[in-house]
Amino acid sequence: MAVIVHDDMPIDQALKMLWREANRENIPAELLKNRYRTKPTEYRHEFRKYWSKIKRRRRSAARKVARKG
């Protein structure tokens, strides 16, 4: 990440350029992601939770179709 700042450039404009560049490279999101330590099992739990939610929806939809006939 690099921002060229000239001598006659206002500090507000330079900071705005720096912020835009940081957003382009997704730095704020990475900082939020790395702020707290997450254990490897957390990712597995999240994955299983997501798929179990889909399974529940599919099963309830199948039951609903079976009831209708």
C-alpha atoms as a PDB file:
ATOM      1  CA  MET A   1       0.000   0.000   0.000  1.00  0.00           C
ATOM      2  CA  ALA A   2       1.484   3.319  -1.037  1.00  0.00           C
ATOM      3  CA  VAL A   3       0.198   6.872  -1.179  1.00  0.00           C
ATOM      4  CA  ILE A   4       2.252   9.725  -2.603  1.00  0.00           C
ATOM      5  CA  VAL A   5       1.814  12.931  -0.613  1.00  0.00           C
ATOM      6  CA  HIS A   6       3.107  16.251  -1.969  1.00  0.00           C
ATOM      7  CA  ASP A   7       4.327  19.186   0.126  1.00  0.00           C
ATOM      8  CA  ASP A   8       1.428  21.460  -0.771  1.00  0.00           C
ATOM      9  CA  MET A   9      -1.265  18.788  -0.243  1.00  0.00           C
ATOM     10  CA  PRO A  10      -3.681  19.262   2.687  1.00  0.00           C
ATOM     11  CA  ILE A  11      -3.431  16.629   5.408  1.00  0.00           C
ATOM     12  CA  ASP A  12      -7.157  15.821   5.120  1.00  0.00           C
ATOM     13  CA  GLN A  13      -6.798  14.938   1.456  1.00  0.00           C
ATOM     14  CA  ALA A  14      -3.740  12.770   2.146  1.00  0.00           C
ATOM     15  CA  LEU A  15      -5.570  10.883   4.902  1.00  0.00           C
ATOM     16  CA  LYS A  16      -8.565  10.379   2.631  1.00  0.00           C
ATOM     17  CA  MET A  17      -6.289   8.925  -0.059  1.00  0.00           C
ATOM     18  CA  LEU A  18      -4.682   6.618   2.516  1.00  0.00           C
ATOM     19  CA  TRP A  19      -8.101   5.443   3.748  1.00  0.00           C
ATOM     20  CA  ARG A  20      -9.268   4.717   0.192  1.00  0.00           C
ATOM     21  CA  GLU A  21      -6.118   2.731  -0.516  1.00  0.00           C
ATOM     22  CA  ALA A  22      -6.563   0.742   2.705  1.00  0.00           C
ATOM     23  CA  ASN A  23     -10.163  -0.058   1.769  1.00  0.00           C
ATOM     24  CA  ARG A  24      -9.105  -1.180  -1.701  1.00  0.00           C
ATOM     25  CA  GLU A  25      -6.747  -3.698  -0.142  1.00  0.00           C
ATOM     26  CA  ASN A  26      -9.381  -4.798   2.403  1.00  0.00           C
ATOM     27  CA  ILE A  27      -7.206  -3.891   5.392  1.00  0.00           C
ATOM     28  CA  PRO A  28     -10.006  -2.809   7.808  1.00  0.00           C
ATOM     29  CA  ALA A  29     -11.796  -6.136   7.323  1.00  0.00           C
ATOM     30  CA  GLU A  30      -8.564  -8.052   7.933  1.00  0.00           C
ATOM     31  CA  LEU A  31      -7.954  -6.101  11.131  1.00  0.00           C
ATOM     32  CA  LEU A  32     -11.422  -6.932  12.408  1.00  0.00           C
ATOM     33  CA  LYS A  33     -10.942 -10.585  11.512  1.00  0.00           C
ATOM     34  CA  ASN A  34      -7.577 -10.774  13.272  1.00  0.00           C
ATOM     35  CA  ARG A  35      -8.577  -8.734  16.313  1.00  0.00           C
ATOM     36  CA  TYR A  36      -9.522 -11.799  18.354  1.00  0.00           C
ATOM     37  CA  ARG A  37      -7.946 -15.218  18.252  1.00  0.00           C
ATOM     38  CA  THR A  38     -10.282 -17.812  16.802  1.00  0.00           C
ATOM     39  CA  LYS A  39      -9.622 -21.459  17.404  1.00  0.00           C
ATOM     40  CA  PRO A  40      -9.715 -23.845  14.423  1.00  0.00           C
ATOM     41  CA  THR A  41     -12.752 -25.591  15.888  1.00  0.00           C
ATOM     42  CA  GLU A  42     -14.734 -22.361  15.642  1.00  0.00           C
ATOM     43  CA  TYR A  43     -14.534 -22.499  11.872  1.00  0.00           C
ATOM     44  CA  ARG A  44     -15.786 -26.099  11.905  1.00  0.00           C
ATOM     45  CA  HIS A  45     -18.655 -25.175  14.231  1.00  0.00           C
ATOM     46  CA  GLU A  46     -19.640 -22.309  11.976  1.00  0.00           C
ATOM     47  CA  PHE A  47     -19.545 -24.562   8.911  1.00  0.00           C
ATOM     48  CA  ARG A  48     -21.631 -27.290  10.583  1.00  0.00           C
ATOM     49  CA  LYS A  49     -24.121 -24.753  11.904  1.00  0.00           C
ATOM     50  CA  TYR A  50     -24.615 -23.361   8.401  1.00  0.00           C
ATOM     51  CA  TRP A  51     -25.176 -26.782   6.816  1.00  0.00           C
ATOM     52  CA  SER A  52     -27.454 -27.995   9.615  1.00  0.00           C
ATOM     53  CA  LYS A  53     -29.621 -24.933   9.039  1.00  0.00           C
ATOM     54  CA  ILE A  54     -29.903 -25.844   5.348  1.00  0.00           C
ATOM     55  CA  LYS A  55     -30.706 -29.464   6.256  1.00  0.00           C
ATOM     56  CA  ARG A  56     -33.501 -28.351   8.587  1.00  0.00           C
ATOM     57  CA  ARG A  57     -34.996 -26.169   5.886  1.00  0.00           C
ATOM     58  CA  ARG A  58     -34.876 -28.953   3.321  1.00  0.00           C
ATOM     59  CA  ARG A  59     -36.432 -31.476   5.687  1.00  0.00           C
ATOM     60  CA  SER A  60     -39.243 -29.138   6.672  1.00  0.00           C
ATOM     61  CA  ALA A  61     -39.887 -28.349   2.994  1.00  0.00           C
ATOM     62  CA  ALA A  62     -40.021 -32.085   2.232  1.00  0.00           C
ATOM     63  CA  ARG A  63     -42.498 -32.636   5.093  1.00  0.00           C
ATOM     64  CA  LYS A  64     -44.620 -29.772   3.842  1.00  0.00           C
ATOM     65  CA  VAL A  65     -44.711 -31.231   0.311  1.00  0.00           C
ATOM     66  CA  ALA A  66     -45.527 -34.695   1.699  1.00  0.00           C
ATOM     67  CA  ARG A  67     -48.468 -33.275   3.681  1.00  0.00           C
ATOM     68  CA  LYS A  68     -49.889 -31.578   0.604  1.00  0.00           C
ATOM     69  CA  GLY A  69     -49.834 -34.813  -1.306  1.00  0.00           C
END
